[in-house]
Amino acid sequence: MTASLENAKPASASAATTPLAGEVVIPGDKSISHRSFILGALASGTTHIHHLLEGDDVLATGRAMAAMGAKVEQTQVGHWQVTGVGNGGLTNPESALDFGNAGTGVRLVMGAMVGAGASGHCIGDASLSKRPMGRVIDPLTQMGAVFRKPDGSDTDKLPLQLDAPARALPLAYELPVPSAQVKSAILLAGLGAPGQTIVRESHPTRDHTERMLKLFGADIESHTDANGVEIRLTGEARLTGTEIIVPGDPSSAAFPLVAALLVPQSKVTINNVMVNPHRNGLWTCLEEMGAQIERKNQREAAGETVADFTIHATSLNAIDVPAHRAPSMIDEYPILAMAAATARGTTHLTGLGELRVKESDRLSAVVAGLRANGVEVEEFDDAMKIHGCDGQVPGGGVVETHLDHRIAMSFLVLGLAAQKPITVDDTRMIATSFPAFFDLMRALNAHMEIAGS
């Protein structure tokens, strides 16, 4: 066992004798939760946050904002309040800001630091320290920031010292690769810049930052045409604290959703799921595969649409997933691959290059895990072909998760529909995004066991 797995908590999942059934509420969305802490800290007054995702990644962002002067406190489980310092009021942290495994957290907070003129040392765990930061560093450098390392090594990776400008420079920037994190970092930095900061993207990405900036009172507008989307933010605005009810995370909902589809005779209701047009790729794919998914009780929360879903077990058919759908479901490809493994026919997934620079090389991890469990799959540079087993996934293998929470949860879901149990080598990192995963799945009759517990 490698050093990183010395204290590992393997787990296995197997087909139960009863179908999945029940009604659950999904934990708060991770993207909204990160932004609630950040914008609450940058606003004047107090922001009240309800249904916050209390995962390790989000809490790291909250600690970072507290270290730079905001008052961040939990009032009860899932409920927090942030007393902000006002736009531009962040102070230099006294010690390093440790983001753990939170890639979204570090990239967005660096943008906020540049806009507020706060300098600091940003660090992360071993996994985060391998992930590229260049896409964020490039535009933030153009806005006046300086990134450096004491030893002069590659500044594309953490740890990094960020020296913020006294006043950020406005920027007009065209994203070379669709990325909501890069877009958001630029917009957060633009809050401290005079005039307008403009971001252009050829393909729309998730727009949570734009929606939430409006909630806090920022002057921001978006325009879509044949060339893509242009977002314009007027800087040096006064943000005002507000109340946020965090909608359920569609990326977390994906696991019980697919599990209910795959386990015969299941019927599951999932409540309070965010329905955002830039996060609906998985739902679109599953419906094209023939999934029986009912939407009801649609409503608004935190500037977003939410709804409840009832899912019936369905025999799925293979599809071709177009590359342009990737921005709307980049985190959901691993769980979609599990659905494809059980489907009838060959599913072709393209435009997957971004998966290679997530918490792990998710493309290779998915391919290796499927092969270990008897599924035929072909791997390409930015694509894969999954030859579905028509409901007869052999299973019986051990999956190397590479400390990636979505790989672990995806293969545990597949284990519920496999002929033999599927084991994942570690589950500790699931707490970064979905601390209640096992409790929620077991409440639906899922047969999952953590070794030693």
Protein backbone atom coordinates (compact mmCIF):
# COMPACT_ATOMS: atom_id res chain seq x y z
CA MET A 1 0.00 0.00 0.00
CA THR A 2 1.37 3.41 -0.92
CA ALA A 3 2.01 6.10 1.69
CA SER A 4 -1.05 8.04 0.60
CA LEU A 5 -3.20 5.01 1.44
CA GLU A 6 -1.67 4.15 4.83
CA ASN A 7 -4.87 5.16 6.63
CA ALA A 8 -7.20 4.32 3.77
CA LYS A 9 -10.83 3.36 4.29
CA PRO A 10 -11.77 0.97 1.49
CA ALA A 11 -15.44 0.30 0.84
CA SER A 12 -17.48 -2.08 -1.25
CA ALA A 13 -20.93 -2.00 -2.79
CA SER A 14 -23.03 -4.93 -3.91
CA ALA A 15 -26.45 -5.64 -5.32
CA ALA A 16 -29.11 -5.81 -2.60
CA THR A 17 -32.12 -8.08 -2.56
CA THR A 18 -34.48 -5.08 -2.44
CA PRO A 19 -34.75 -2.16 -4.87
CA LEU A 20 -33.74 1.35 -3.90
CA ALA A 21 -36.65 3.35 -2.53
CA GLY A 22 -37.30 6.50 -0.55
CA GLU A 23 -37.14 10.28 -0.56
CA VAL A 24 -33.99 12.28 0.19
CA VAL A 25 -32.81 15.89 0.28
CA ILE A 26 -29.53 16.58 -1.48
CA PRO A 27 -26.78 18.52 0.36
CA GLY A 28 -26.17 22.13 -0.65
CA ASP A 29 -24.41 22.88 -3.91
CA LYS A 30 -20.64 23.11 -3.57
CA SER A 31 -20.23 25.89 -6.14
CA ILE A 32 -22.88 28.08 -4.47
CA SER A 33 -21.46 27.33 -1.01
CA HIS A 34 -17.93 28.45 -1.98
CA ARG A 35 -19.28 31.66 -3.49
CA SER A 36 -21.52 32.35 -0.49
CA PHE A 37 -18.49 32.50 1.81
CA ILE A 38 -16.44 34.60 -0.61
CA LEU A 39 -19.09 37.15 -1.57
CA GLY A 40 -20.36 37.31 1.99
CA ALA A 41 -16.85 38.27 3.09
CA LEU A 42 -16.56 40.93 0.37
CA ALA A 43 -19.94 42.49 1.20
CA SER A 44 -20.86 45.09 3.77
CA GLY A 45 -23.14 43.81 6.51
CA THR A 46 -24.09 40.22 7.34
CA THR A 47 -24.93 37.40 4.97
CA HIS A 48 -27.07 34.56 6.31
CA ILE A 49 -26.45 31.22 4.59
CA HIS A 50 -28.83 28.26 4.90
CA HIS A 51 -28.20 24.66 3.75
CA LEU A 52 -24.48 25.28 3.20
CA LEU A 53 -22.50 22.23 2.13
CA GLU A 54 -20.25 21.56 5.13
CA GLY A 55 -17.69 19.56 3.18
CA ASP A 56 -13.95 19.92 3.66
CA ASP A 57 -13.48 21.94 0.47
CA VAL A 58 -16.10 24.57 1.33
CA LEU A 59 -14.97 24.89 4.94
CA ALA A 60 -11.42 25.57 3.71
CA THR A 61 -12.78 28.53 1.75
CA GLY A 62 -14.61 29.77 4.85
CA ARG A 63 -11.42 29.58 6.91
CA ALA A 64 -9.54 31.52 4.23
CA MET A 65 -12.07 34.37 4.29
CA ALA A 66 -11.96 34.44 8.09
CA ALA A 67 -8.16 34.61 7.98
CA MET A 68 -8.46 37.78 5.88
CA GLY A 69 -10.76 39.64 8.24
CA ALA A 70 -14.34 38.40 7.71
CA LYS A 71 -16.30 37.01 10.64
CA VAL A 72 -17.43 33.53 9.64
CA GLU A 73 -19.47 31.55 12.14
CA GLN A 74 -21.77 28.56 12.22
CA THR A 75 -25.11 29.20 13.95
CA GLN A 76 -26.36 25.61 13.61
CA VAL A 77 -25.72 22.64 11.34
CA GLY A 78 -25.91 23.88 7.75
CA HIS A 79 -26.54 27.48 8.83
CA TRP A 80 -23.78 30.11 8.78
CA GLN A 81 -23.43 33.84 8.90
CA VAL A 82 -20.66 35.94 7.43
CA THR A 83 -20.04 39.50 8.52
CA GLY A 84 -18.13 41.00 5.63
CA VAL A 85 -15.37 43.56 5.42
CA GLY A 86 -16.76 45.37 2.37
CA ASN A 87 -15.46 45.33 -1.19
CA GLY A 88 -11.69 45.86 -1.01
CA GLY A 89 -11.52 45.32 2.75
CA LEU A 90 -9.69 41.98 2.96
CA THR A 91 -6.43 42.05 4.92
CA ASN A 92 -3.24 40.04 4.46
CA PRO A 93 -3.53 36.71 6.31
CA GLU A 94 -1.03 36.14 9.12
CA SER A 95 -0.29 32.57 8.00
CA ALA A 96 -0.61 30.45 4.89
CA LEU A 97 -4.09 29.84 3.51
CA ASP A 98 -4.52 26.07 3.39
CA PHE A 99 -7.13 25.01 0.80
CA GLY A 100 -6.72 21.27 1.28
CA ASN A 101 -8.13 19.69 -1.89
CA ALA A 102 -10.35 22.66 -2.87
CA GLY A 103 -9.45 23.60 -6.44
CA THR A 104 -12.48 25.84 -6.79
CA GLY A 105 -11.76 27.47 -3.46
CA VAL A 106 -8.16 28.41 -4.15
CA ARG A 107 -8.80 29.73 -7.67
CA LEU A 108 -11.77 31.88 -6.67
CA VAL A 109 -10.17 33.16 -3.49
CA MET A 110 -7.04 34.19 -5.41
CA GLY A 111 -9.28 36.30 -7.63
CA ALA A 112 -10.92 37.90 -4.59
CA MET A 113 -7.50 38.61 -3.09
CA VAL A 114 -6.33 40.37 -6.25
CA GLY A 115 -9.44 42.54 -6.28
CA ALA A 116 -9.12 43.39 -2.59
CA GLY A 117 -5.37 44.02 -2.57
CA ALA A 118 -4.71 41.19 -0.11
CA SER A 119 -1.42 39.29 -0.42
CA GLY A 120 -0.80 35.84 1.01
CA HIS A 121 0.69 32.37 0.70
CA CYS A 122 -1.66 29.74 -0.76
CA ILE A 123 -1.06 26.05 -0.12
CA GLY A 124 -2.97 22.78 -0.60
CA ASP A 125 -2.69 19.05 -0.11
CA ALA A 126 -0.64 16.72 -2.29
CA SER A 127 -3.43 16.30 -4.83
CA LEU A 128 -4.20 20.01 -5.18
CA SER A 129 -0.49 20.81 -5.43
CA LYS A 130 -0.34 18.77 -8.65
CA ARG A 131 -3.19 20.62 -10.35
CA PRO A 132 -2.40 23.42 -12.83
CA MET A 133 -3.06 27.02 -11.80
CA GLY A 134 -1.74 28.67 -14.97
CA ARG A 135 -5.16 29.43 -16.44
CA VAL A 136 -5.97 31.59 -13.42
CA ILE A 137 -2.48 32.99 -12.97
CA ASP A 138 -2.33 34.39 -16.51
CA PRO A 139 -5.34 36.74 -16.33
CA LEU A 140 -4.73 37.68 -12.69
CA THR A 141 -1.15 38.62 -13.60
CA GLN A 142 -2.53 40.88 -16.32
CA MET A 143 -4.65 42.51 -13.61
CA GLY A 144 -1.52 43.37 -11.61
CA ALA A 145 -0.88 40.33 -9.40
CA VAL A 146 2.55 38.73 -8.99
CA PHE A 147 2.84 35.00 -8.31
CA ARG A 148 6.11 33.55 -7.10
CA LYS A 149 7.81 30.74 -5.26
CA PRO A 150 10.74 31.23 -2.88
CA ASP A 151 12.70 28.47 -4.60
CA GLY A 152 12.01 29.83 -8.09
CA SER A 153 10.35 26.61 -9.25
CA ASP A 154 7.28 26.23 -11.48
CA THR A 155 4.68 28.86 -10.56
CA ASP A 156 1.95 26.85 -12.29
CA LYS A 157 1.47 24.78 -9.12
CA LEU A 158 0.87 25.34 -5.42
CA PRO A 159 2.31 26.40 -3.04
CA LEU A 160 2.27 29.99 -4.32
CA GLN A 161 2.88 33.42 -2.88
CA LEU A 162 0.36 35.88 -4.29
CA ASP A 163 1.37 39.55 -4.16
CA ALA A 164 -1.73 41.57 -4.96
CA PRO A 165 -1.65 45.04 -6.55
CA ALA A 166 -2.76 48.05 -4.51
CA ARG A 167 -5.50 48.46 -7.09
CA ALA A 168 -6.45 45.81 -9.63
CA LEU A 169 -6.38 46.66 -13.32
CA PRO A 170 -9.54 46.20 -15.40
CA LEU A 171 -9.25 43.47 -18.02
CA ALA A 172 -10.91 42.35 -21.21
CA TYR A 173 -10.19 38.63 -21.49
CA GLU A 174 -11.26 35.85 -23.82
CA LEU A 175 -11.15 32.44 -22.17
CA PRO A 176 -8.88 30.12 -24.19
CA VAL A 177 -10.67 27.10 -22.67
CA PRO A 178 -14.19 27.17 -21.17
CA SER A 179 -13.75 27.41 -17.40
CA ALA A 180 -16.19 28.77 -14.83
CA GLN A 181 -13.37 28.89 -12.28
CA VAL A 182 -11.20 31.14 -14.43
CA LYS A 183 -14.15 33.34 -15.37
CA SER A 184 -15.12 33.66 -11.72
CA ALA A 185 -11.61 34.49 -10.57
CA ILE A 186 -11.42 37.33 -13.11
CA LEU A 187 -14.82 38.71 -12.10
CA LEU A 188 -13.96 38.59 -8.40
CA ALA A 189 -10.71 40.43 -9.11
CA GLY A 190 -12.67 42.89 -11.26
CA LEU A 191 -14.70 43.92 -8.22
CA GLY A 192 -11.68 45.93 -7.13
CA ALA A 193 -10.77 47.37 -10.54
CA PRO A 194 -11.96 50.73 -11.90
CA GLY A 195 -14.21 50.73 -14.94
CA GLN A 196 -15.36 47.53 -16.59
CA THR A 197 -13.88 44.06 -16.51
CA ILE A 198 -15.00 41.95 -19.48
CA VAL A 199 -14.88 38.18 -19.91
CA ARG A 200 -15.72 36.48 -23.20
CA GLU A 201 -16.31 32.75 -23.58
CA SER A 202 -16.97 30.85 -26.80
CA HIS A 203 -19.05 28.24 -24.97
CA PRO A 204 -21.22 29.10 -21.96
CA THR A 205 -20.03 27.79 -18.60
CA ARG A 206 -21.86 27.63 -15.28
CA ASP A 207 -22.99 31.14 -14.35
CA HIS A 208 -23.33 30.92 -10.56
CA THR A 209 -20.90 33.78 -9.97
CA GLU A 210 -22.81 36.14 -12.25
CA ARG A 211 -26.14 35.25 -10.62
CA MET A 212 -24.78 35.66 -7.11
CA LEU A 213 -23.01 38.93 -7.85
CA LYS A 214 -26.40 40.33 -8.83
CA LEU A 215 -27.86 39.10 -5.54
CA PHE A 216 -25.19 41.06 -3.67
CA GLY A 217 -25.83 44.22 -5.70
CA ALA A 218 -23.03 44.20 -8.29
CA ASP A 219 -23.53 45.88 -11.67
CA ILE A 220 -23.06 42.93 -14.03
CA GLU A 221 -24.65 41.95 -17.31
CA SER A 222 -24.28 39.14 -19.82
CA HIS A 223 -24.92 39.10 -23.55
CA THR A 224 -25.11 35.98 -25.71
CA ASP A 225 -24.74 35.91 -29.50
CA ALA A 226 -23.47 33.57 -32.19
CA ASN A 227 -19.87 34.05 -30.99
CA GLY A 228 -20.56 33.04 -27.40
CA VAL A 229 -21.12 34.97 -24.17
CA GLU A 230 -19.75 38.33 -23.03
CA ILE A 231 -19.93 39.29 -19.35
CA ARG A 232 -19.36 42.91 -18.27
CA LEU A 233 -18.77 43.83 -14.61
CA THR A 234 -18.48 47.39 -13.33
CA GLY A 235 -15.88 47.43 -10.59
CA GLU A 236 -15.57 49.23 -7.25
CA ALA A 237 -19.23 48.60 -6.47
CA ARG A 238 -20.66 48.27 -2.98
CA LEU A 239 -21.82 44.76 -2.21
CA THR A 240 -24.48 44.28 0.46
CA GLY A 241 -24.96 41.20 2.64
CA THR A 242 -28.02 39.12 1.85
CA GLU A 243 -29.79 35.85 2.67
CA ILE A 244 -28.89 32.74 0.70
CA ILE A 245 -30.69 29.41 0.69
CA VAL A 246 -28.22 27.09 -1.01
CA PRO A 247 -29.98 24.77 -3.50
CA GLY A 248 -29.11 21.08 -3.65
CA ASP A 249 -25.98 20.15 -5.60
CA PRO A 250 -26.81 18.52 -8.98
CA SER A 251 -23.35 16.92 -9.00
CA SER A 252 -24.15 15.18 -5.70
CA ALA A 253 -27.68 14.34 -6.85
CA ALA A 254 -26.12 12.48 -9.77
CA PHE A 255 -25.12 9.53 -7.57
CA PRO A 256 -28.52 8.53 -6.12
CA LEU A 257 -30.06 9.49 -9.47
CA VAL A 258 -27.98 7.01 -11.46
CA ALA A 259 -28.19 4.40 -8.71
CA ALA A 260 -31.99 4.52 -8.90
CA LEU A 261 -31.85 4.06 -12.67
CA LEU A 262 -29.49 1.08 -12.48
CA VAL A 263 -30.97 -0.99 -9.64
CA PRO A 264 -34.01 -2.90 -10.95
CA GLN A 265 -37.49 -1.88 -9.70
CA SER A 266 -36.16 1.18 -7.86
CA LYS A 267 -38.16 4.36 -7.32
CA VAL A 268 -36.44 7.29 -5.62
CA THR A 269 -37.40 10.93 -5.09
CA ILE A 270 -34.61 13.50 -4.80
CA ASN A 271 -35.66 16.91 -3.47
CA ASN A 272 -34.20 20.40 -3.71
CA VAL A 273 -31.94 19.89 -6.75
CA MET A 274 -30.61 22.96 -8.55
CA VAL A 275 -31.69 23.14 -12.19
CA ASN A 276 -29.22 25.37 -14.00
CA PRO A 277 -29.03 25.35 -17.82
CA HIS A 278 -25.23 25.21 -17.59
CA ARG A 279 -25.29 22.18 -15.25
CA ASN A 280 -27.89 19.97 -16.97
CA GLY A 281 -25.68 17.90 -19.28
CA LEU A 282 -26.03 14.67 -17.28
CA TRP A 283 -29.82 14.94 -17.18
CA THR A 284 -29.87 15.51 -20.95
CA CYS A 285 -27.68 12.46 -21.57
CA LEU A 286 -29.70 10.18 -19.30
CA GLU A 287 -32.98 11.24 -20.89
CA GLU A 288 -31.49 10.53 -24.33
CA MET A 289 -30.57 7.06 -22.98
CA GLY A 290 -34.24 6.50 -22.11
CA ALA A 291 -34.20 7.30 -18.37
CA GLN A 292 -37.56 7.77 -16.64
CA ILE A 293 -37.09 11.02 -14.69
CA GLU A 294 -40.02 13.16 -13.53
CA ARG A 295 -39.51 16.83 -12.61
CA LYS A 296 -41.93 18.61 -10.27
CA ASN A 297 -42.34 21.50 -7.82
CA GLN A 298 -40.03 23.89 -9.67
CA ARG A 299 -39.16 27.06 -7.69
CA GLU A 300 -36.44 29.69 -7.05
CA ALA A 301 -33.59 29.79 -4.50
CA ALA A 302 -30.39 31.91 -4.37
CA GLY A 303 -31.04 33.21 -7.86
CA GLU A 304 -31.29 29.66 -9.18
CA THR A 305 -34.12 27.33 -10.18
CA VAL A 306 -34.61 24.22 -8.04
CA ALA A 307 -36.91 21.23 -8.46
CA ASP A 308 -37.72 17.78 -7.11
CA PHE A 309 -37.17 14.64 -9.18
CA THR A 310 -38.65 11.15 -9.07
CA ILE A 311 -36.56 8.47 -10.78
CA HIS A 312 -37.73 5.02 -11.88
CA ALA A 313 -35.34 2.17 -12.71
CA THR A 314 -34.76 2.06 -16.45
CA SER A 315 -32.91 -0.13 -18.94
CA LEU A 316 -30.67 2.38 -20.71
CA ASN A 317 -29.50 2.56 -24.31
CA ALA A 318 -26.10 3.77 -25.53
CA ILE A 319 -25.71 7.24 -27.03
CA ASP A 320 -23.04 9.47 -28.56
CA VAL A 321 -22.30 12.41 -26.23
CA PRO A 322 -21.17 15.51 -28.18
CA ALA A 323 -18.04 17.37 -27.14
CA HIS A 324 -19.88 20.69 -26.78
CA ARG A 325 -21.81 19.27 -23.82
CA ALA A 326 -18.66 18.93 -21.69
CA PRO A 327 -18.84 22.33 -19.91
CA SER A 328 -22.34 21.51 -18.64
CA MET A 329 -21.35 18.19 -17.08
CA ILE A 330 -17.57 18.05 -16.62
CA ASP A 331 -17.89 16.66 -13.07
CA GLU A 332 -20.55 14.13 -14.04
CA TYR A 333 -18.65 12.12 -16.67
CA PRO A 334 -17.50 9.46 -14.18
CA ILE A 335 -21.05 8.69 -13.05
CA LEU A 336 -22.34 8.86 -16.64
CA ALA A 337 -19.70 6.27 -17.51
CA MET A 338 -21.25 3.94 -14.93
CA ALA A 339 -24.64 4.33 -16.61
CA ALA A 340 -23.01 3.66 -19.99
CA ALA A 341 -21.39 0.50 -18.61
CA THR A 342 -24.83 -0.99 -17.89
CA ALA A 343 -26.46 0.24 -21.11
CA ARG A 344 -27.27 -1.65 -24.29
CA GLY A 345 -24.76 -0.76 -27.03
CA THR A 346 -21.62 1.39 -27.22
CA THR A 347 -21.54 4.88 -25.74
CA HIS A 348 -19.03 7.32 -27.26
CA LEU A 349 -17.91 10.20 -25.01
CA THR A 350 -15.88 13.02 -26.59
CA GLY A 351 -14.38 16.34 -25.51
CA LEU A 352 -12.99 14.88 -22.26
CA GLY A 353 -9.56 16.51 -22.20
CA GLU A 354 -10.41 18.54 -19.09
CA LEU A 355 -10.91 15.30 -17.15
CA ARG A 356 -7.17 14.71 -17.20
CA VAL A 357 -6.48 17.74 -14.95
CA LYS A 358 -9.15 17.25 -12.29
CA GLU A 359 -8.49 15.77 -8.82
CA SER A 360 -7.02 12.86 -10.74
CA ASP A 361 -6.71 11.92 -14.40
CA ARG A 362 -10.37 10.98 -14.33
CA LEU A 363 -10.42 9.69 -17.88
CA SER A 364 -7.74 7.09 -17.20
CA ALA A 365 -9.14 6.31 -13.74
CA VAL A 366 -12.59 5.57 -15.17
CA VAL A 367 -11.13 3.40 -17.94
CA ALA A 368 -8.98 1.40 -15.51
CA GLY A 369 -11.84 0.94 -13.05
CA LEU A 370 -14.26 -0.27 -15.70
CA ARG A 371 -11.74 -2.72 -17.10
CA ALA A 372 -11.06 -4.06 -13.59
CA ASN A 373 -14.76 -4.88 -13.38
CA GLY A 374 -15.15 -6.63 -16.71
CA VAL A 375 -16.38 -3.75 -18.87
CA GLU A 376 -14.82 -3.33 -22.30
CA VAL A 377 -13.72 0.28 -22.85
CA GLU A 378 -11.43 2.10 -25.29
CA GLU A 379 -9.39 5.14 -24.21
CA PHE A 380 -8.31 8.03 -26.45
CA ASP A 381 -6.60 11.36 -25.74
CA ASP A 382 -9.87 13.17 -25.03
CA ALA A 383 -12.51 10.49 -25.51
CA MET A 384 -13.60 6.98 -24.59
CA LYS A 385 -15.89 4.30 -25.95
CA ILE A 386 -17.74 2.20 -23.40
CA HIS A 387 -19.19 -1.09 -24.61
CA GLY A 388 -22.23 -1.54 -22.40
CA CYS A 389 -23.04 -4.81 -20.68
CA ASP A 390 -26.83 -4.56 -21.09
CA GLY A 391 -27.42 -4.73 -17.35
CA GLN A 392 -24.88 -7.50 -16.77
CA VAL A 393 -21.75 -5.76 -15.44
CA PRO A 394 -19.49 -8.52 -14.07
CA GLY A 395 -17.96 -6.52 -11.18
CA GLY A 396 -15.68 -8.18 -8.64
CA GLY A 397 -12.77 -5.77 -9.12
CA VAL A 398 -10.88 -3.31 -6.94
CA VAL A 399 -10.84 0.30 -8.18
CA GLU A 400 -7.88 2.60 -7.64
CA THR A 401 -9.48 5.96 -6.81
CA HIS A 402 -6.31 8.11 -6.88
CA LEU A 403 -7.83 9.94 -3.88
CA ASP A 404 -10.61 11.27 -6.13
CA HIS A 405 -14.03 11.53 -4.46
CA ARG A 406 -16.05 11.29 -7.69
CA ILE A 407 -14.22 8.15 -8.83
CA ALA A 408 -14.94 6.52 -5.46
CA MET A 409 -18.64 7.39 -5.39
CA SER A 410 -19.20 6.50 -9.05
CA PHE A 411 -17.83 2.98 -8.76
CA LEU A 412 -19.69 2.36 -5.51
CA VAL A 413 -22.89 3.20 -7.42
CA LEU A 414 -21.90 0.74 -10.17
CA GLY A 415 -21.37 -1.92 -7.53
CA LEU A 416 -25.07 -1.74 -6.64
CA ALA A 417 -25.91 -3.03 -10.13
CA ALA A 418 -22.99 -5.42 -10.71
CA GLN A 419 -23.05 -9.22 -10.53
CA LYS A 420 -20.22 -9.23 -7.97
CA PRO A 421 -19.33 -6.55 -5.38
CA ILE A 422 -17.09 -3.66 -6.45
CA THR A 423 -14.47 -2.34 -4.02
CA VAL A 424 -12.81 1.09 -4.02
CA ASP A 425 -9.42 1.49 -2.36
CA ASP A 426 -10.28 4.58 -0.26
CA THR A 427 -13.28 6.67 0.70
CA ARG A 428 -11.81 9.31 3.03
CA MET A 429 -11.86 12.02 0.36
CA ILE A 430 -15.62 11.71 -0.18
CA ALA A 431 -15.95 14.15 2.73
CA THR A 432 -14.56 16.92 0.52
CA SER A 433 -17.83 17.19 -1.40
CA PHE A 434 -20.46 14.81 0.02
CA PRO A 435 -19.95 14.04 3.73
CA ALA A 436 -23.41 12.42 4.01
CA PHE A 437 -22.96 10.15 0.98
CA PHE A 438 -23.03 6.81 2.80
CA ASP A 439 -25.86 7.78 5.14
CA LEU A 440 -27.98 9.05 2.25
CA MET A 441 -27.37 6.01 0.06
CA ARG A 442 -28.05 3.56 2.90
CA ALA A 443 -31.32 5.40 3.62
CA LEU A 444 -32.34 4.34 0.10
CA ASN A 445 -31.49 0.64 0.84
CA ALA A 446 -28.09 0.78 -0.89
CA HIS A 447 -25.77 -2.01 0.26
CA MET A 448 -22.45 -0.26 0.92
CA GLU A 449 -19.88 -1.24 3.55
CA ILE A 450 -16.78 0.64 4.74
CA ALA A 451 -13.99 -1.68 5.86
CA GLY A 452 -13.61 -1.71 9.64
CA SER A 453 -16.86 0.09 10.38
